Amino acid sequence: MVSAGNFGFSHRPDGPRPQNTGVSGIDHDVDRIIGRDAELRLREVQKRQDYKKSVIARNNTYGDYLTRLEDGDYAVMTETQRVAAKKARLHNQEAMQRISAYLRSRKAEESAQTASE
């Protein structure tokens, strides 16, 4: 028998099952809200992707050659813009690699310090 004194959740948050409040009406409502939100977000993503595909087809180009404008529309980049975009991507990739290497070395240092204590 469940009472206010011995009530508890049986689910571990790190387990494979979804969170369960123990009240099916609440769980069902929350699941429906999450599902609706996911569906709306997916529709928006699909709408943007479909529009981008139509711009690509209309301009007979590739997705890498498009740039997104402030109003959300797309434009085909000039050769100069494509070169600049490629350079920027390469710089970003290099920066991310350096950051990852730094974080790995920092983690190794912390592990070594913890082991020596």
N, C-alpha and C. Protein backbone atom coordinates (compact mmCIF):
# COMPACT_ATOMS: atom_id res chain seq x y z
N MET A 1 0.85 -1.18 0.00
CA MET A 1 0.00 0.00 0.00
C MET A 1 0.90 1.25 0.00
N VAL A 2 0.54 2.23 -0.83
CA VAL A 2 1.33 3.45 -0.95
C VAL A 2 0.71 4.54 -0.10
N SER A 3 1.54 5.24 0.65
CA SER A 3 1.08 6.39 1.42
C SER A 3 2.06 7.53 1.21
N ALA A 4 1.74 8.70 1.73
CA ALA A 4 2.62 9.86 1.58
C ALA A 4 3.98 9.60 2.21
N GLY A 5 4.03 8.74 3.19
CA GLY A 5 5.28 8.47 3.88
C GLY A 5 6.20 7.49 3.17
N ASN A 6 5.63 6.58 2.40
CA ASN A 6 6.48 5.58 1.75
C ASN A 6 6.48 5.68 0.23
N PHE A 7 6.00 6.78 -0.31
CA PHE A 7 5.96 6.95 -1.77
C PHE A 7 7.36 7.24 -2.30
N GLY A 8 7.68 6.66 -3.43
CA GLY A 8 8.97 6.92 -4.07
C GLY A 8 8.92 6.56 -5.53
N PHE A 9 9.84 7.10 -6.28
CA PHE A 9 9.93 6.79 -7.70
C PHE A 9 10.77 5.54 -7.87
N SER A 10 10.31 4.67 -8.73
CA SER A 10 11.06 3.43 -8.93
C SER A 10 12.08 3.54 -10.06
N HIS A 11 12.02 4.58 -10.81
CA HIS A 11 12.91 4.73 -11.97
C HIS A 11 14.20 5.45 -11.60
N ARG A 12 15.31 4.93 -12.10
CA ARG A 12 16.58 5.62 -11.97
C ARG A 12 16.73 6.55 -13.17
N PRO A 13 17.02 7.84 -13.00
CA PRO A 13 17.13 8.76 -14.12
C PRO A 13 18.19 8.37 -15.15
N ASP A 14 19.20 7.62 -14.71
CA ASP A 14 20.25 7.22 -15.65
C ASP A 14 19.94 5.90 -16.34
N GLY A 15 18.79 5.31 -16.04
CA GLY A 15 18.41 4.04 -16.65
C GLY A 15 17.86 4.20 -18.06
N PRO A 16 17.58 3.11 -18.73
CA PRO A 16 17.16 3.16 -20.13
C PRO A 16 15.69 3.53 -20.34
N ARG A 17 14.88 3.48 -19.31
CA ARG A 17 13.46 3.77 -19.47
C ARG A 17 13.18 5.26 -19.29
N PRO A 18 12.05 5.74 -19.84
CA PRO A 18 11.70 7.16 -19.62
C PRO A 18 11.33 7.41 -18.16
N GLN A 19 11.47 8.66 -17.76
CA GLN A 19 11.12 9.03 -16.39
C GLN A 19 9.66 8.71 -16.13
N ASN A 20 9.36 8.23 -14.95
CA ASN A 20 8.00 7.83 -14.60
C ASN A 20 7.66 8.47 -13.26
N THR A 21 6.63 9.30 -13.27
CA THR A 21 6.23 9.96 -12.03
C THR A 21 5.40 9.05 -11.15
N GLY A 22 4.91 7.96 -11.71
CA GLY A 22 4.02 7.09 -10.96
C GLY A 22 2.56 7.48 -11.11
N VAL A 23 2.31 8.57 -11.82
CA VAL A 23 0.95 9.03 -12.06
C VAL A 23 0.75 9.01 -13.58
N SER A 24 0.04 8.00 -14.07
CA SER A 24 -0.04 7.79 -15.52
C SER A 24 -0.65 8.97 -16.25
N GLY A 25 -1.60 9.67 -15.65
CA GLY A 25 -2.23 10.82 -16.31
C GLY A 25 -1.22 11.93 -16.56
N ILE A 26 -0.35 12.18 -15.59
CA ILE A 26 0.68 13.21 -15.76
C ILE A 26 1.69 12.76 -16.79
N ASP A 27 2.14 11.51 -16.68
CA ASP A 27 3.13 11.00 -17.64
C ASP A 27 2.59 11.08 -19.06
N HIS A 28 1.34 10.70 -19.25
CA HIS A 28 0.73 10.73 -20.58
C HIS A 28 0.67 12.16 -21.13
N ASP A 29 0.26 13.10 -20.30
CA ASP A 29 0.19 14.50 -20.74
C ASP A 29 1.57 15.03 -21.11
N VAL A 30 2.56 14.74 -20.29
CA VAL A 30 3.93 15.20 -20.56
C VAL A 30 4.44 14.57 -21.85
N ASP A 31 4.20 13.28 -22.03
CA ASP A 31 4.63 12.61 -23.26
C ASP A 31 3.98 13.23 -24.50
N ARG A 32 2.70 13.57 -24.39
CA ARG A 32 2.00 14.19 -25.53
C ARG A 32 2.59 15.56 -25.83
N ILE A 33 2.88 16.35 -24.81
CA ILE A 33 3.45 17.69 -25.00
C ILE A 33 4.82 17.57 -25.66
N ILE A 34 5.65 16.66 -25.16
CA ILE A 34 6.98 16.46 -25.75
C ILE A 34 6.85 16.02 -27.20
N GLY A 35 5.94 15.11 -27.47
CA GLY A 35 5.72 14.63 -28.83
C GLY A 35 5.28 15.73 -29.77
N ARG A 36 4.36 16.57 -29.32
CA ARG A 36 3.89 17.69 -30.16
C ARG A 36 5.02 18.67 -30.45
N ASP A 37 5.79 18.98 -29.42
CA ASP A 37 6.91 19.90 -29.60
C ASP A 37 7.91 19.33 -30.60
N ALA A 38 8.23 18.05 -30.46
CA ALA A 38 9.18 17.42 -31.39
C ALA A 38 8.63 17.43 -32.81
N GLU A 39 7.35 17.17 -32.95
CA GLU A 39 6.72 17.17 -34.27
C GLU A 39 6.78 18.56 -34.92
N LEU A 40 6.48 19.59 -34.14
CA LEU A 40 6.53 20.96 -34.67
C LEU A 40 7.95 21.35 -35.08
N ARG A 41 8.91 21.00 -34.24
CA ARG A 41 10.31 21.32 -34.57
C ARG A 41 10.76 20.58 -35.83
N LEU A 42 10.37 19.32 -35.95
CA LEU A 42 10.73 18.54 -37.12
C LEU A 42 10.11 19.13 -38.38
N ARG A 43 8.86 19.57 -38.29
CA ARG A 43 8.22 20.21 -39.45
C ARG A 43 8.98 21.46 -39.89
N GLU A 44 9.42 22.26 -38.93
CA GLU A 44 10.17 23.47 -39.26
C GLU A 44 11.50 23.12 -39.93
N VAL A 45 12.18 22.11 -39.41
CA VAL A 45 13.46 21.68 -40.00
C VAL A 45 13.22 21.19 -41.43
N GLN A 46 12.19 20.36 -41.61
CA GLN A 46 11.88 19.83 -42.94
C GLN A 46 11.50 20.95 -43.91
N LYS A 47 10.77 21.92 -43.42
CA LYS A 47 10.37 23.06 -44.25
C LYS A 47 11.61 23.83 -44.74
N ARG A 48 12.56 24.10 -43.82
CA ARG A 48 13.79 24.79 -44.20
C ARG A 48 14.61 23.96 -45.19
N GLN A 49 14.70 22.65 -44.94
CA GLN A 49 15.46 21.78 -45.82
C GLN A 49 14.83 21.72 -47.22
N ASP A 50 13.52 21.63 -47.27
CA ASP A 50 12.83 21.60 -48.56
C ASP A 50 13.06 22.89 -49.33
N TYR A 51 12.99 24.02 -48.62
CA TYR A 51 13.21 25.31 -49.28
C TYR A 51 14.64 25.39 -49.80
N LYS A 52 15.59 24.96 -48.98
CA LYS A 52 17.00 24.99 -49.39
C LYS A 52 17.21 24.11 -50.62
N LYS A 53 16.59 22.94 -50.63
CA LYS A 53 16.70 22.05 -51.80
C LYS A 53 16.13 22.71 -53.05
N SER A 54 15.03 23.45 -52.89
CA SER A 54 14.44 24.13 -54.05
C SER A 54 15.37 25.24 -54.56
N VAL A 55 16.04 25.94 -53.66
CA VAL A 55 17.00 26.98 -54.07
C VAL A 55 18.18 26.34 -54.80
N ILE A 56 18.64 25.21 -54.30
CA ILE A 56 19.75 24.49 -54.95
C ILE A 56 19.35 24.07 -56.35
N ALA A 57 18.16 23.48 -56.47
CA ALA A 57 17.69 23.01 -57.79
C ALA A 57 17.47 24.19 -58.74
N ARG A 58 16.87 25.25 -58.24
CA ARG A 58 16.56 26.42 -59.08
C ARG A 58 17.83 27.07 -59.61
N ASN A 59 18.91 27.05 -58.81
CA ASN A 59 20.16 27.69 -59.21
C ASN A 59 21.19 26.71 -59.77
N ASN A 60 20.79 25.43 -59.85
CA ASN A 60 21.66 24.39 -60.38
C ASN A 60 23.05 24.46 -59.72
N THR A 61 23.05 24.37 -58.38
CA THR A 61 24.29 24.51 -57.62
C THR A 61 24.34 23.45 -56.53
N TYR A 62 25.27 23.58 -55.61
CA TYR A 62 25.43 22.66 -54.49
C TYR A 62 25.15 23.41 -53.19
N GLY A 63 24.80 22.65 -52.15
CA GLY A 63 24.52 23.25 -50.85
C GLY A 63 25.70 24.00 -50.27
N ASP A 64 26.92 23.51 -50.55
CA ASP A 64 28.11 24.19 -50.03
C ASP A 64 28.32 25.56 -50.65
N TYR A 65 27.66 25.81 -51.76
CA TYR A 65 27.83 27.09 -52.46
C TYR A 65 26.78 28.12 -52.06
N LEU A 66 25.94 27.76 -51.08
CA LEU A 66 24.90 28.69 -50.63
C LEU A 66 25.34 29.39 -49.35
N THR A 67 24.85 30.59 -49.18
CA THR A 67 25.02 31.30 -47.93
C THR A 67 23.64 31.73 -47.45
N ARG A 68 23.46 31.71 -46.14
CA ARG A 68 22.16 32.08 -45.58
C ARG A 68 22.18 33.57 -45.29
N LEU A 69 21.16 34.26 -45.76
CA LEU A 69 21.05 35.70 -45.56
C LEU A 69 20.34 36.00 -44.24
N GLU A 70 20.41 37.26 -43.82
CA GLU A 70 19.81 37.65 -42.54
C GLU A 70 18.31 37.39 -42.48
N ASP A 71 17.63 37.47 -43.62
CA ASP A 71 16.18 37.26 -43.65
C ASP A 71 15.80 35.79 -43.74
N GLY A 72 16.82 34.88 -43.72
CA GLY A 72 16.55 33.45 -43.78
C GLY A 72 16.59 32.88 -45.18
N ASP A 73 16.68 33.74 -46.17
CA ASP A 73 16.75 33.27 -47.55
C ASP A 73 18.18 32.80 -47.85
N TYR A 74 18.37 32.23 -49.01
CA TYR A 74 19.69 31.74 -49.41
C TYR A 74 20.13 32.45 -50.69
N ALA A 75 21.44 32.59 -50.84
CA ALA A 75 22.01 33.15 -52.06
C ALA A 75 23.22 32.31 -52.44
N VAL A 76 23.47 32.24 -53.74
CA VAL A 76 24.65 31.51 -54.22
C VAL A 76 25.87 32.41 -54.02
N MET A 77 26.92 31.84 -53.42
CA MET A 77 28.13 32.61 -53.15
C MET A 77 28.94 32.80 -54.44
N THR A 78 29.64 33.90 -54.48
CA THR A 78 30.58 34.13 -55.57
C THR A 78 31.82 33.28 -55.30
N GLU A 79 32.71 33.20 -56.26
CA GLU A 79 33.95 32.42 -56.08
C GLU A 79 34.77 32.97 -54.91
N THR A 80 34.86 34.28 -54.81
CA THR A 80 35.60 34.91 -53.71
C THR A 80 34.99 34.53 -52.36
N GLN A 81 33.67 34.55 -52.28
CA GLN A 81 32.98 34.18 -51.04
C GLN A 81 33.21 32.71 -50.70
N ARG A 82 33.20 31.85 -51.72
CA ARG A 82 33.43 30.42 -51.48
C ARG A 82 34.83 30.17 -50.93
N VAL A 83 35.82 30.86 -51.49
CA VAL A 83 37.20 30.71 -51.01
C VAL A 83 37.29 31.18 -49.57
N ALA A 84 36.68 32.32 -49.27
CA ALA A 84 36.71 32.85 -47.90
C ALA A 84 35.99 31.90 -46.95
N ALA A 85 34.87 31.34 -47.36
CA ALA A 85 34.12 30.42 -46.51
C ALA A 85 34.94 29.16 -46.25
N LYS A 86 35.63 28.67 -47.28
CA LYS A 86 36.45 27.48 -47.10
C LYS A 86 37.60 27.75 -46.13
N LYS A 87 38.22 28.91 -46.26
CA LYS A 87 39.30 29.28 -45.33
C LYS A 87 38.76 29.36 -43.90
N ALA A 88 37.61 29.97 -43.74
CA ALA A 88 37.02 30.11 -42.41
C ALA A 88 36.72 28.75 -41.81
N ARG A 89 36.20 27.82 -42.63
CA ARG A 89 35.90 26.48 -42.12
C ARG A 89 37.19 25.77 -41.70
N LEU A 90 38.24 25.93 -42.48
CA LEU A 90 39.52 25.30 -42.14
C LEU A 90 40.09 25.89 -40.85
N HIS A 91 40.00 27.20 -40.68
CA HIS A 91 40.46 27.83 -39.44
C HIS A 91 39.65 27.33 -38.25
N ASN A 92 38.35 27.22 -38.44
CA ASN A 92 37.49 26.73 -37.37
C ASN A 92 37.84 25.29 -37.01
N GLN A 93 38.07 24.46 -38.03
CA GLN A 93 38.44 23.07 -37.79
C GLN A 93 39.75 22.99 -37.01
N GLU A 94 40.72 23.79 -37.39
CA GLU A 94 42.01 23.81 -36.69
C GLU A 94 41.83 24.26 -35.24
N ALA A 95 41.03 25.29 -35.04
CA ALA A 95 40.79 25.78 -33.68
C ALA A 95 40.12 24.71 -32.83
N MET A 96 39.15 24.01 -33.39
CA MET A 96 38.46 22.96 -32.64
C MET A 96 39.41 21.82 -32.30
N GLN A 97 40.31 21.49 -33.20
CA GLN A 97 41.30 20.44 -32.92
C GLN A 97 42.23 20.87 -31.78
N ARG A 98 42.65 22.13 -31.80
CA ARG A 98 43.51 22.63 -30.73
C ARG A 98 42.79 22.64 -29.39
N ILE A 99 41.53 23.04 -29.40
CA ILE A 99 40.75 23.04 -28.16
C ILE A 99 40.61 21.62 -27.62
N SER A 100 40.31 20.68 -28.50
CA SER A 100 40.17 19.28 -28.07
C SER A 100 41.47 18.75 -27.50
N ALA A 101 42.60 19.06 -28.15
CA ALA A 101 43.90 18.61 -27.66
C ALA A 101 44.18 19.23 -26.29
N TYR A 102 43.88 20.50 -26.12
CA TYR A 102 44.09 21.17 -24.84
C TYR A 102 43.24 20.51 -23.74
N LEU A 103 41.98 20.23 -24.05
CA LEU A 103 41.10 19.63 -23.05
C LEU A 103 41.57 18.22 -22.68
N ARG A 104 42.06 17.46 -23.67
CA ARG A 104 42.58 16.13 -23.38
C ARG A 104 43.81 16.22 -22.48
N SER A 105 44.71 17.16 -22.78
CA SER A 105 45.92 17.28 -21.95
C SER A 105 45.57 17.75 -20.54
N ARG A 106 44.62 18.63 -20.43
CA ARG A 106 44.20 19.11 -19.11
C ARG A 106 43.58 17.99 -18.29
N LYS A 107 42.77 17.16 -18.96
CA LYS A 107 42.15 16.04 -18.27
C LYS A 107 43.22 15.04 -17.82
N ALA A 108 44.22 14.81 -18.67
CA ALA A 108 45.32 13.91 -18.30
C ALA A 108 46.09 14.45 -17.10
N GLU A 109 46.34 15.76 -17.08
CA GLU A 109 47.03 16.38 -15.96
C GLU A 109 46.24 16.22 -14.67
N GLU A 110 44.92 16.45 -14.75
CA GLU A 110 44.06 16.31 -13.56
C GLU A 110 44.04 14.88 -13.07
N SER A 111 44.02 13.92 -14.01
CA SER A 111 44.05 12.51 -13.62
C SER A 111 45.35 12.16 -12.94
N ALA A 112 46.46 12.70 -13.46
CA ALA A 112 47.77 12.44 -12.87
C ALA A 112 47.85 13.04 -11.46
N GLN A 113 47.30 14.23 -11.28
CA GLN A 113 47.29 14.87 -9.96
C GLN A 113 46.47 14.07 -8.97
N THR A 114 45.30 13.60 -9.43
CA THR A 114 44.43 12.83 -8.56
C THR A 114 45.09 11.51 -8.17
N ALA A 115 45.79 10.90 -9.11
CA ALA A 115 46.46 9.62 -8.84
C ALA A 115 47.62 9.80 -7.85
N SER A 116 48.28 10.95 -7.90
CA SER A 116 49.42 11.17 -7.01
C SER A 116 49.01 11.58 -5.60
N GLU A 117 47.76 11.93 -5.40
CA GLU A 117 47.30 12.38 -4.07
C GLU A 117 46.95 11.24 -3.17
